[in-house]
All heavy atoms as atom14 arrays in JSON, in Angstrom:
{
  "sequence": "EKFPHCTIVIRPHPGESLKVWQDIARDCKNVVVLHEGPVQPWLLAC",
  "atom14_mask": [
    [1, 1, 1, 1, 1, 1, 1, 1, 1, 0, 0, 0, 0, 0],
    [1, 1, 1, 1, 1, 1, 1, 1, 1, 0, 0, 0, 0, 0],
    [1, 1, 1, 1, 1, 1, 1, 1, 1, 1, 1, 0, 0, 0],
    [1, 1, 1, 1, 1, 1, 1, 0, 0, 0, 0, 0, 0, 0],
    [1, 1, 1, 1, 1, 1, 1, 1, 1, 1, 0, 0, 0, 0],
    [1, 1, 1, 1, 1, 1, 0, 0, 0, 0, 0, 0, 0, 0],
    [1, 1, 1, 1, 1, 1, 1, 0, 0, 0, 0, 0, 0, 0],
    [1, 1, 1, 1, 1, 1, 1, 1, 0, 0, 0, 0, 0, 0],
    [1, 1, 1, 1, 1, 1, 1, 0, 0, 0, 0, 0, 0, 0],
    [1, 1, 1, 1, 1, 1, 1, 1, 0, 0, 0, 0, 0, 0],
    [1, 1, 1, 1, 1, 1, 1, 1, 1, 1, 1, 0, 0, 0],
    [1, 1, 1, 1, 1, 1, 1, 0, 0, 0, 0, 0, 0, 0],
    [1, 1, 1, 1, 1, 1, 1, 1, 1, 1, 0, 0, 0, 0],
    [1, 1, 1, 1, 1, 1, 1, 0, 0, 0, 0, 0, 0, 0],
    [1, 1, 1, 1, 0, 0, 0, 0, 0, 0, 0, 0, 0, 0],
    [1, 1, 1, 1, 1, 1, 1, 1, 1, 0, 0, 0, 0, 0],
    [1, 1, 1, 1, 1, 1, 0, 0, 0, 0, 0, 0, 0, 0],
    [1, 1, 1, 1, 1, 1, 1, 1, 0, 0, 0, 0, 0, 0],
    [1, 1, 1, 1, 1, 1, 1, 1, 1, 0, 0, 0, 0, 0],
    [1, 1, 1, 1, 1, 1, 1, 0, 0, 0, 0, 0, 0, 0],
    [1, 1, 1, 1, 1, 1, 1, 1, 1, 1, 1, 1, 1, 1],
    [1, 1, 1, 1, 1, 1, 1, 1, 1, 0, 0, 0, 0, 0],
    [1, 1, 1, 1, 1, 1, 1, 1, 0, 0, 0, 0, 0, 0],
    [1, 1, 1, 1, 1, 1, 1, 1, 0, 0, 0, 0, 0, 0],
    [1, 1, 1, 1, 1, 0, 0, 0, 0, 0, 0, 0, 0, 0],
    [1, 1, 1, 1, 1, 1, 1, 1, 1, 1, 1, 0, 0, 0],
    [1, 1, 1, 1, 1, 1, 1, 1, 0, 0, 0, 0, 0, 0],
    [1, 1, 1, 1, 1, 1, 0, 0, 0, 0, 0, 0, 0, 0],
    [1, 1, 1, 1, 1, 1, 1, 1, 1, 0, 0, 0, 0, 0],
    [1, 1, 1, 1, 1, 1, 1, 1, 0, 0, 0, 0, 0, 0],
    [1, 1, 1, 1, 1, 1, 1, 0, 0, 0, 0, 0, 0, 0],
    [1, 1, 1, 1, 1, 1, 1, 0, 0, 0, 0, 0, 0, 0],
    [1, 1, 1, 1, 1, 1, 1, 0, 0, 0, 0, 0, 0, 0],
    [1, 1, 1, 1, 1, 1, 1, 1, 0, 0, 0, 0, 0, 0],
    [1, 1, 1, 1, 1, 1, 1, 1, 1, 1, 0, 0, 0, 0],
    [1, 1, 1, 1, 1, 1, 1, 1, 1, 0, 0, 0, 0, 0],
    [1, 1, 1, 1, 0, 0, 0, 0, 0, 0, 0, 0, 0, 0],
    [1, 1, 1, 1, 1, 1, 1, 0, 0, 0, 0, 0, 0, 0],
    [1, 1, 1, 1, 1, 1, 1, 0, 0, 0, 0, 0, 0, 0],
    [1, 1, 1, 1, 1, 1, 1, 1, 1, 0, 0, 0, 0, 0],
    [1, 1, 1, 1, 1, 1, 1, 0, 0, 0, 0, 0, 0, 0],
    [1, 1, 1, 1, 1, 1, 1, 1, 1, 1, 1, 1, 1, 1],
    [1, 1, 1, 1, 1, 1, 1, 1, 0, 0, 0, 0, 0, 0],
    [1, 1, 1, 1, 1, 1, 1, 1, 0, 0, 0, 0, 0, 0],
    [1, 1, 1, 1, 1, 0, 0, 0, 0, 0, 0, 0, 0, 0],
    [1, 1, 1, 1, 1, 1, 0, 0, 0, 0, 0, 0, 0, 0]
  ],
  "atom14_positions": [
    [[2.87, 13.03, 0.56], [2.7, 14.49, 0.61], [2.82, 15.12, -0.77], [2.09, 16.06, -1.11], [3.78, 15.08, 1.54], [3.66, 16.59, 1.73], [4.72, 17.13, 2.68], [5.47, 16.32, 3.26], [4.8, 18.38, 2.83], [0.0, 0.0, 0.0], [0.0, 0.0, 0.0], [0.0, 0.0, 0.0], [0.0, 0.0, 0.0], [0.0, 0.0, 0.0]],
    [[3.72, 14.6, -1.6], [3.94, 15.14, -2.93], [2.75, 14.89, -3.84], [2.45, 15.71, -4.73], [5.21, 14.49, -3.53], [5.54, 14.91, -4.95], [6.08, 16.31, -5.04], [6.56, 16.63, -6.43], [7.07, 18.01, -6.56], [0.0, 0.0, 0.0], [0.0, 0.0, 0.0], [0.0, 0.0, 0.0], [0.0, 0.0, 0.0], [0.0, 0.0, 0.0]],
    [[2.05, 13.76, -3.64], [0.94, 13.4, -4.52], [-0.33, 13.15, -3.68], [-0.81, 12.02, -3.58], [1.3, 12.14, -5.32], [2.6, 12.28, -6.09], [3.75, 11.64, -5.65], [2.67, 13.07, -7.23], [4.94, 11.78, -6.34], [3.86, 13.22, -7.92], [5.01, 12.58, -7.48], [0.0, 0.0, 0.0], [0.0, 0.0, 0.0], [0.0, 0.0, 0.0]],
    [[-0.88, 14.23, -3.11], [-2.02, 14.09, -2.19], [-3.29, 13.58, -2.85], [-4.18, 13.07, -2.16], [-2.19, 15.5, -1.63], [-1.62, 16.4, -2.69], [-0.47, 15.64, -3.26], [0.0, 0.0, 0.0], [0.0, 0.0, 0.0], [0.0, 0.0, 0.0], [0.0, 0.0, 0.0], [0.0, 0.0, 0.0], [0.0, 0.0, 0.0], [0.0, 0.0, 0.0]],
    [[-3.39, 13.73, -4.16], [-4.61, 13.31, -4.85], [-4.51, 11.87, -5.37], [-5.43, 11.39, -6.03], [-4.91, 14.27, -6.01], [-5.08, 15.68, -5.57], [-6.07, 16.07, -4.68], [-4.38, 16.8, -5.86], [-5.98, 17.37, -4.46], [-4.95, 17.84, -5.16], [0.0, 0.0, 0.0], [0.0, 0.0, 0.0], [0.0, 0.0, 0.0], [0.0, 0.0, 0.0]],
    [[-3.41, 11.21, -5.08], [-3.23, 9.8, -5.45], [-3.28, 8.95, -4.18], [-2.89, 9.4, -3.1], [-1.87, 9.59, -6.12], [-1.71, 10.32, -7.75], [0.0, 0.0, 0.0], [0.0, 0.0, 0.0], [0.0, 0.0, 0.0], [0.0, 0.0, 0.0], [0.0, 0.0, 0.0], [0.0, 0.0, 0.0], [0.0, 0.0, 0.0], [0.0, 0.0, 0.0]],
    [[-3.73, 7.74, -4.34], [-3.62, 6.77, -3.26], [-2.27, 6.07, -3.38], [-1.84, 5.71, -4.47], [-4.74, 5.71, -3.35], [-6.01, 6.36, -3.3], [-4.64, 4.7, -2.23], [0.0, 0.0, 0.0], [0.0, 0.0, 0.0], [0.0, 0.0, 0.0], [0.0, 0.0, 0.0], [0.0, 0.0, 0.0], [0.0, 0.0, 0.0], [0.0, 0.0, 0.0]],
    [[-1.59, 5.94, -2.25], [-0.33, 5.19, -2.21], [-0.67, 3.82, -1.63], [-1.07, 3.71, -0.47], [0.73, 5.87, -1.33], [0.84, 7.37, -1.65], [2.07, 5.16, -1.46], [1.33, 7.69, -3.03], [0.0, 0.0, 0.0], [0.0, 0.0, 0.0], [0.0, 0.0, 0.0], [0.0, 0.0, 0.0], [0.0, 0.0, 0.0], [0.0, 0.0, 0.0]],
    [[-0.54, 2.79, -2.43], [-0.83, 1.42, -1.97], [0.48, 0.69, -1.71], [1.27, 0.48, -2.63], [-1.66, 0.64, -3.02], [-1.9, -0.79, -2.52], [-2.98, 1.34, -3.3], [0.0, 0.0, 0.0], [0.0, 0.0, 0.0], [0.0, 0.0, 0.0], [0.0, 0.0, 0.0], [0.0, 0.0, 0.0], [0.0, 0.0, 0.0], [0.0, 0.0, 0.0]],
    [[0.71, 0.34, -0.45], [1.89, -0.47, -0.1], [1.45, -1.93, -0.1], [0.53, -2.32, 0.62], [2.46, -0.08, 1.27], [2.82, 1.41, 1.31], [3.67, -0.94, 1.61], [3.31, 1.9, 2.67], [0.0, 0.0, 0.0], [0.0, 0.0, 0.0], [0.0, 0.0, 0.0], [0.0, 0.0, 0.0], [0.0, 0.0, 0.0], [0.0, 0.0, 0.0]],
    [[2.12, -2.71, -0.93], [1.82, -4.15, -1.02], [3.05, -4.92, -0.57], [3.97, -5.18, -1.35], [1.44, -4.51, -2.46], [1.08, -5.98, -2.67], [0.82, -6.27, -4.15], [0.76, -7.68, -4.42], [-0.36, -8.41, -4.49], [-1.53, -7.81, -4.3], [-0.33, -9.7, -4.74], [0.0, 0.0, 0.0], [0.0, 0.0, 0.0], [0.0, 0.0, 0.0]],
    [[3.11, -5.31, 0.71], [4.28, -6.03, 1.21], [4.38, -7.43, 0.6], [3.38, -8.0, 0.14], [4.03, -6.11, 2.72], [3.01, -5.05, 3.01], [2.16, -4.99, 1.78], [0.0, 0.0, 0.0], [0.0, 0.0, 0.0], [0.0, 0.0, 0.0], [0.0, 0.0, 0.0], [0.0, 0.0, 0.0], [0.0, 0.0, 0.0], [0.0, 0.0, 0.0]],
    [[5.57, -7.97, 0.63], [5.8, -9.36, 0.21], [4.91, -10.27, 1.05], [4.64, -9.98, 2.23], [7.28, -9.69, 0.43], [7.66, -11.04, -0.05], [7.48, -12.18, 0.71], [8.23, -11.45, -1.22], [7.91, -13.23, 0.03], [8.37, -12.82, -1.14], [0.0, 0.0, 0.0], [0.0, 0.0, 0.0], [0.0, 0.0, 0.0], [0.0, 0.0, 0.0]],
    [[4.43, -11.4, 0.47], [3.54, -12.29, 1.22], [4.1, -12.76, 2.56], [3.32, -13.06, 3.47], [3.36, -13.48, 0.27], [3.58, -12.93, -1.09], [4.62, -11.86, -0.92], [0.0, 0.0, 0.0], [0.0, 0.0, 0.0], [0.0, 0.0, 0.0], [0.0, 0.0, 0.0], [0.0, 0.0, 0.0], [0.0, 0.0, 0.0], [0.0, 0.0, 0.0]],
    [[5.43, -12.84, 2.69], [6.01, -13.31, 3.94], [6.27, -12.21, 4.96], [6.73, -12.48, 6.07], [0.0, 0.0, 0.0], [0.0, 0.0, 0.0], [0.0, 0.0, 0.0], [0.0, 0.0, 0.0], [0.0, 0.0, 0.0], [0.0, 0.0, 0.0], [0.0, 0.0, 0.0], [0.0, 0.0, 0.0], [0.0, 0.0, 0.0], [0.0, 0.0, 0.0]],
    [[5.98, -10.97, 4.59], [6.29, -9.84, 5.48], [5.18, -9.55, 6.5], [4.0, -9.79, 6.24], [6.51, -8.56, 4.67], [7.88, -8.41, 4.07], [8.12, -7.0, 3.54], [8.17, -6.06, 4.35], [8.24, -6.85, 2.31], [0.0, 0.0, 0.0], [0.0, 0.0, 0.0], [0.0, 0.0, 0.0], [0.0, 0.0, 0.0], [0.0, 0.0, 0.0]],
    [[5.6, -8.98, 7.61], [4.66, -8.42, 8.57], [4.11, -7.1, 8.02], [4.85, -6.31, 7.41], [5.36, -8.16, 9.91], [4.54, -7.38, 10.75], [0.0, 0.0, 0.0], [0.0, 0.0, 0.0], [0.0, 0.0, 0.0], [0.0, 0.0, 0.0], [0.0, 0.0, 0.0], [0.0, 0.0, 0.0], [0.0, 0.0, 0.0], [0.0, 0.0, 0.0]],
    [[2.83, -6.85, 8.23], [2.22, -5.6, 7.76], [2.41, -4.46, 8.76], [2.27, -3.29, 8.4], [0.72, -5.8, 7.52], [0.29, -6.89, 6.55], [-1.23, -6.84, 6.36], [0.98, -6.75, 5.21], [0.0, 0.0, 0.0], [0.0, 0.0, 0.0], [0.0, 0.0, 0.0], [0.0, 0.0, 0.0], [0.0, 0.0, 0.0], [0.0, 0.0, 0.0]],
    [[2.74, -4.79, 10.01], [2.68, -3.81, 11.08], [3.54, -2.57, 10.83], [3.09, -1.45, 11.01], [3.07, -4.44, 12.42], [2.89, -3.48, 13.6], [3.24, -4.14, 14.92], [2.97, -3.19, 16.08], [3.67, -1.89, 15.95], [0.0, 0.0, 0.0], [0.0, 0.0, 0.0], [0.0, 0.0, 0.0], [0.0, 0.0, 0.0], [0.0, 0.0, 0.0]],
    [[4.8, -2.77, 10.42], [5.67, -1.62, 10.23], [5.11, -0.67, 9.18], [5.18, 0.56, 9.32], [7.11, -2.07, 9.87], [7.14, -2.78, 8.52], [8.06, -0.88, 9.85], [0.0, 0.0, 0.0], [0.0, 0.0, 0.0], [0.0, 0.0, 0.0], [0.0, 0.0, 0.0], [0.0, 0.0, 0.0], [0.0, 0.0, 0.0], [0.0, 0.0, 0.0]],
    [[4.5, -1.23, 8.14], [3.92, -0.39, 7.08], [2.61, 0.25, 7.54], [2.32, 1.4, 7.18], [3.7, -1.23, 5.82], [4.97, -1.87, 5.33], [5.26, -3.2, 5.31], [6.13, -1.2, 4.81], [6.53, -3.42, 4.81], [7.08, -2.21, 4.49], [6.45, 0.14, 4.59], [8.33, -1.91, 3.95], [7.7, 0.45, 4.05], [8.62, -0.56, 3.75]],
    [[1.84, -0.48, 8.33], [0.59, 0.09, 8.86], [0.88, 1.25, 9.81], [0.14, 2.24, 9.83], [-0.21, -1.0, 9.56], [-0.8, -2.02, 8.6], [-1.39, -3.24, 9.29], [-1.03, -3.55, 10.43], [-2.29, -3.93, 8.62], [0.0, 0.0, 0.0], [0.0, 0.0, 0.0], [0.0, 0.0, 0.0], [0.0, 0.0, 0.0], [0.0, 0.0, 0.0]],
    [[1.95, 1.13, 10.57], [2.34, 2.22, 11.47], [2.69, 3.48, 10.68], [2.35, 4.61, 11.09], [3.53, 1.8, 12.34], [3.15, 0.77, 13.39], [1.94, 0.59, 13.64], [4.07, 0.13, 13.95], [0.0, 0.0, 0.0], [0.0, 0.0, 0.0], [0.0, 0.0, 0.0], [0.0, 0.0, 0.0], [0.0, 0.0, 0.0], [0.0, 0.0, 0.0]],
    [[3.36, 3.3, 9.57], [3.72, 4.44, 8.72], [2.46, 5.01, 8.06], [2.28, 6.24, 8.01], [4.74, 4.0, 7.64], [6.07, 3.66, 8.3], [4.92, 5.1, 6.59], [7.07, 3.0, 7.37], [0.0, 0.0, 0.0], [0.0, 0.0, 0.0], [0.0, 0.0, 0.0], [0.0, 0.0, 0.0], [0.0, 0.0, 0.0], [0.0, 0.0, 0.0]],
    [[1.59, 4.14, 7.58], [0.37, 4.58, 6.89], [-0.57, 5.34, 7.82], [-1.34, 6.2, 7.36], [-0.35, 3.38, 6.29], [0.0, 0.0, 0.0], [0.0, 0.0, 0.0], [0.0, 0.0, 0.0], [0.0, 0.0, 0.0], [0.0, 0.0, 0.0], [0.0, 0.0, 0.0], [0.0, 0.0, 0.0], [0.0, 0.0, 0.0], [0.0, 0.0, 0.0]],
    [[-0.51, 5.07, 9.1], [-1.41, 5.7, 10.05], [-1.26, 7.22, 10.05], [-2.22, 7.95, 10.34], [-1.13, 5.13, 11.45], [-2.24, 5.38, 12.45], [-2.02, 4.58, 13.72], [-2.16, 3.15, 13.49], [-1.2, 2.26, 13.68], [-0.01, 2.64, 14.1], [-1.42, 0.97, 13.46], [0.0, 0.0, 0.0], [0.0, 0.0, 0.0], [0.0, 0.0, 0.0]],
    [[-0.08, 7.7, 9.71], [0.17, 9.14, 9.72], [-0.01, 9.78, 8.34], [0.26, 10.96, 8.17], [1.6, 9.42, 10.22], [1.8, 8.96, 11.66], [0.84, 9.08, 12.45], [2.89, 8.47, 11.98], [0.0, 0.0, 0.0], [0.0, 0.0, 0.0], [0.0, 0.0, 0.0], [0.0, 0.0, 0.0], [0.0, 0.0, 0.0], [0.0, 0.0, 0.0]],
    [[-0.45, 9.0, 7.35], [-0.61, 9.5, 5.98], [-2.01, 9.15, 5.5], [-2.33, 7.96, 5.31], [0.44, 8.89, 5.06], [2.15, 9.08, 5.6], [0.0, 0.0, 0.0], [0.0, 0.0, 0.0], [0.0, 0.0, 0.0], [0.0, 0.0, 0.0], [0.0, 0.0, 0.0], [0.0, 0.0, 0.0], [0.0, 0.0, 0.0], [0.0, 0.0, 0.0]],
    [[-2.84, 10.14, 5.31], [-4.26, 9.87, 5.01], [-4.49, 9.19, 3.67], [-5.53, 8.56, 3.45], [-5.07, 11.17, 5.07], [-4.67, 12.21, 4.03], [-5.53, 13.46, 4.17], [-5.17, 14.5, 3.11], [-6.0, 15.72, 3.24], [0.0, 0.0, 0.0], [0.0, 0.0, 0.0], [0.0, 0.0, 0.0], [0.0, 0.0, 0.0], [0.0, 0.0, 0.0]],
    [[-3.53, 9.29, 2.74], [-3.73, 8.69, 1.41], [-2.87, 7.44, 1.19], [-2.61, 7.05, 0.06], [-3.46, 9.71, 0.31], [-2.05, 10.29, 0.35], [-1.45, 10.4, 1.42], [-1.51, 10.66, -0.8], [0.0, 0.0, 0.0], [0.0, 0.0, 0.0], [0.0, 0.0, 0.0], [0.0, 0.0, 0.0], [0.0, 0.0, 0.0], [0.0, 0.0, 0.0]],
    [[-2.43, 6.81, 2.29], [-1.63, 5.59, 2.19], [-2.42, 4.42, 2.77], [-2.98, 4.52, 3.86], [-0.29, 5.73, 2.94], [0.49, 4.42, 2.9], [0.53, 6.86, 2.34], [0.0, 0.0, 0.0], [0.0, 0.0, 0.0], [0.0, 0.0, 0.0], [0.0, 0.0, 0.0], [0.0, 0.0, 0.0], [0.0, 0.0, 0.0], [0.0, 0.0, 0.0]],
    [[-2.47, 3.32, 2.02], [-3.11, 2.1, 2.51], [-2.13, 0.94, 2.37], [-1.26, 0.95, 1.49], [-4.41, 1.77, 1.75], [-5.46, 2.85, 2.0], [-4.16, 1.61, 0.27], [0.0, 0.0, 0.0], [0.0, 0.0, 0.0], [0.0, 0.0, 0.0], [0.0, 0.0, 0.0], [0.0, 0.0, 0.0], [0.0, 0.0, 0.0], [0.0, 0.0, 0.0]],
    [[-2.26, -0.04, 3.24], [-1.41, -1.23, 3.21], [-2.31, -2.42, 2.91], [-3.21, -2.75, 3.68], [-0.68, -1.44, 4.54], [0.21, -2.67, 4.48], [0.13, -0.2, 4.9], [0.0, 0.0, 0.0], [0.0, 0.0, 0.0], [0.0, 0.0, 0.0], [0.0, 0.0, 0.0], [0.0, 0.0, 0.0], [0.0, 0.0, 0.0], [0.0, 0.0, 0.0]],
    [[-2.07, -3.08, 1.77], [-2.93, -4.17, 1.34], [-2.1, -5.26, 0.67], [-1.12, -4.96, 0.0], [-3.97, -3.68, 0.32], [-5.01, -2.66, 0.78], [-5.75, -2.1, -0.42], [-5.99, -3.3, 1.75], [0.0, 0.0, 0.0], [0.0, 0.0, 0.0], [0.0, 0.0, 0.0], [0.0, 0.0, 0.0], [0.0, 0.0, 0.0], [0.0, 0.0, 0.0]],
    [[-2.51, -6.49, 0.89], [-1.97, -7.58, 0.08], [-3.17, -8.46, -0.27], [-3.53, -9.38, 0.47], [-0.91, -8.39, 0.81], [-0.2, -9.33, -0.1], [1.08, -9.1, -0.58], [-0.59, -10.49, -0.68], [1.43, -10.07, -1.4], [0.42, -10.93, -1.48], [0.0, 0.0, 0.0], [0.0, 0.0, 0.0], [0.0, 0.0, 0.0], [0.0, 0.0, 0.0]],
    [[-3.78, -8.16, -1.38], [-4.99, -8.83, -1.8], [-4.85, -9.35, -3.23], [-4.49, -8.61, -4.13], [-6.19, -7.87, -1.75], [-6.48, -7.3, -0.38], [-7.59, -6.26, -0.42], [-8.02, -5.88, -1.52], [-8.02, -5.84, 0.68], [0.0, 0.0, 0.0], [0.0, 0.0, 0.0], [0.0, 0.0, 0.0], [0.0, 0.0, 0.0], [0.0, 0.0, 0.0]],
    [[-5.15, -10.62, -3.41], [-5.2, -11.19, -4.75], [-3.86, -11.21, -5.46], [-2.84, -10.77, -4.92], [0.0, 0.0, 0.0], [0.0, 0.0, 0.0], [0.0, 0.0, 0.0], [0.0, 0.0, 0.0], [0.0, 0.0, 0.0], [0.0, 0.0, 0.0], [0.0, 0.0, 0.0], [0.0, 0.0, 0.0], [0.0, 0.0, 0.0], [0.0, 0.0, 0.0]],
    [[-3.85, -11.73, -6.7], [-2.62, -11.79, -7.47], [-2.12, -10.4, -7.83], [-2.89, -9.43, -7.9], [-3.02, -12.58, -8.73], [-4.5, -12.42, -8.82], [-5.01, -12.31, -7.41], [0.0, 0.0, 0.0], [0.0, 0.0, 0.0], [0.0, 0.0, 0.0], [0.0, 0.0, 0.0], [0.0, 0.0, 0.0], [0.0, 0.0, 0.0], [0.0, 0.0, 0.0]],
    [[-0.82, -10.28, -8.09], [-0.23, -8.96, -8.32], [-0.53, -8.43, -9.72], [-0.49, -7.21, -9.95], [1.3, -9.02, -8.08], [2.01, -9.75, -9.22], [1.88, -7.62, -7.89], [0.0, 0.0, 0.0], [0.0, 0.0, 0.0], [0.0, 0.0, 0.0], [0.0, 0.0, 0.0], [0.0, 0.0, 0.0], [0.0, 0.0, 0.0], [0.0, 0.0, 0.0]],
    [[-0.85, -9.29, -10.68], [-1.01, -8.85, -12.07], [-2.01, -7.7, -12.23], [-1.69, -6.7, -12.86], [-1.38, -10.03, -12.97], [-0.28, -11.04, -13.16], [-0.32, -12.15, -12.13], [-0.87, -11.98, -11.05], [0.28, -13.29, -12.45], [0.0, 0.0, 0.0], [0.0, 0.0, 0.0], [0.0, 0.0, 0.0], [0.0, 0.0, 0.0], [0.0, 0.0, 0.0]],
    [[-3.24, -7.81, -11.7], [-4.17, -6.69, -11.87], [-3.71, -5.41, -11.21], [-3.98, -4.31, -11.71], [-5.48, -7.21, -11.27], [-5.13, -8.4, -10.47], [-3.89, -8.98, -11.08], [0.0, 0.0, 0.0], [0.0, 0.0, 0.0], [0.0, 0.0, 0.0], [0.0, 0.0, 0.0], [0.0, 0.0, 0.0], [0.0, 0.0, 0.0], [0.0, 0.0, 0.0]],
    [[-2.99, -5.52, -10.11], [-2.45, -4.33, -9.45], [-1.43, -3.62, -10.35], [-1.42, -2.4, -10.44], [-1.8, -4.71, -8.11], [-2.78, -5.13, -7.06], [-3.2, -6.4, -6.79], [-3.47, -4.28, -6.14], [-4.1, -6.4, -5.76], [-4.29, -5.11, -5.34], [-3.47, -2.9, -5.91], [-5.11, -4.6, -4.32], [-4.27, -2.39, -4.9], [-5.08, -3.23, -4.12]],
    [[-0.59, -4.41, -10.99], [0.41, -3.83, -11.89], [-0.24, -3.21, -13.12], [0.22, -2.18, -13.63], [1.41, -4.91, -12.31], [2.34, -5.43, -11.2], [3.07, -6.68, -11.66], [3.33, -4.35, -10.77], [0.0, 0.0, 0.0], [0.0, 0.0, 0.0], [0.0, 0.0, 0.0], [0.0, 0.0, 0.0], [0.0, 0.0, 0.0], [0.0, 0.0, 0.0]],
    [[-1.3, -3.83, -13.6], [-2.0, -3.31, -14.78], [-2.81, -2.05, -14.44], [-3.01, -1.2, -15.3], [-2.93, -4.38, -15.36], [-2.24, -5.56, -16.05], [-3.22, -6.71, -16.26], [-1.63, -5.12, -17.38], [0.0, 0.0, 0.0], [0.0, 0.0, 0.0], [0.0, 0.0, 0.0], [0.0, 0.0, 0.0], [0.0, 0.0, 0.0], [0.0, 0.0, 0.0]],
    [[-3.25, -1.93, -13.2], [-4.12, -0.82, -12.82], [-3.38, 0.4, -12.31], [-3.9, 1.53, -12.36], [-5.12, -1.28, -11.76], [0.0, 0.0, 0.0], [0.0, 0.0, 0.0], [0.0, 0.0, 0.0], [0.0, 0.0, 0.0], [0.0, 0.0, 0.0], [0.0, 0.0, 0.0], [0.0, 0.0, 0.0], [0.0, 0.0, 0.0], [0.0, 0.0, 0.0]],
    [[-2.16, 0.23, -11.8], [-1.47, 1.35, -11.15], [-0.94, 2.35, -12.17], [-0.68, 2.02, -13.33], [-0.32, 0.83, -10.28], [1.1, 0.19, -11.18], [0.0, 0.0, 0.0], [0.0, 0.0, 0.0], [0.0, 0.0, 0.0], [0.0, 0.0, 0.0], [0.0, 0.0, 0.0], [0.0, 0.0, 0.0], [0.0, 0.0, 0.0], [0.0, 0.0, 0.0]]
  ]
}
């Protein structure tokens, strides 16, 4: 809500279930839950 013009990307630990985070993201239009590829480019891009 504070940063509506930014995308909030939740990247759970590889061993975590995504469901709890997906349930939260469902009510926030700018929140996505993803675990794709190595973390390095995500850290460099955020």
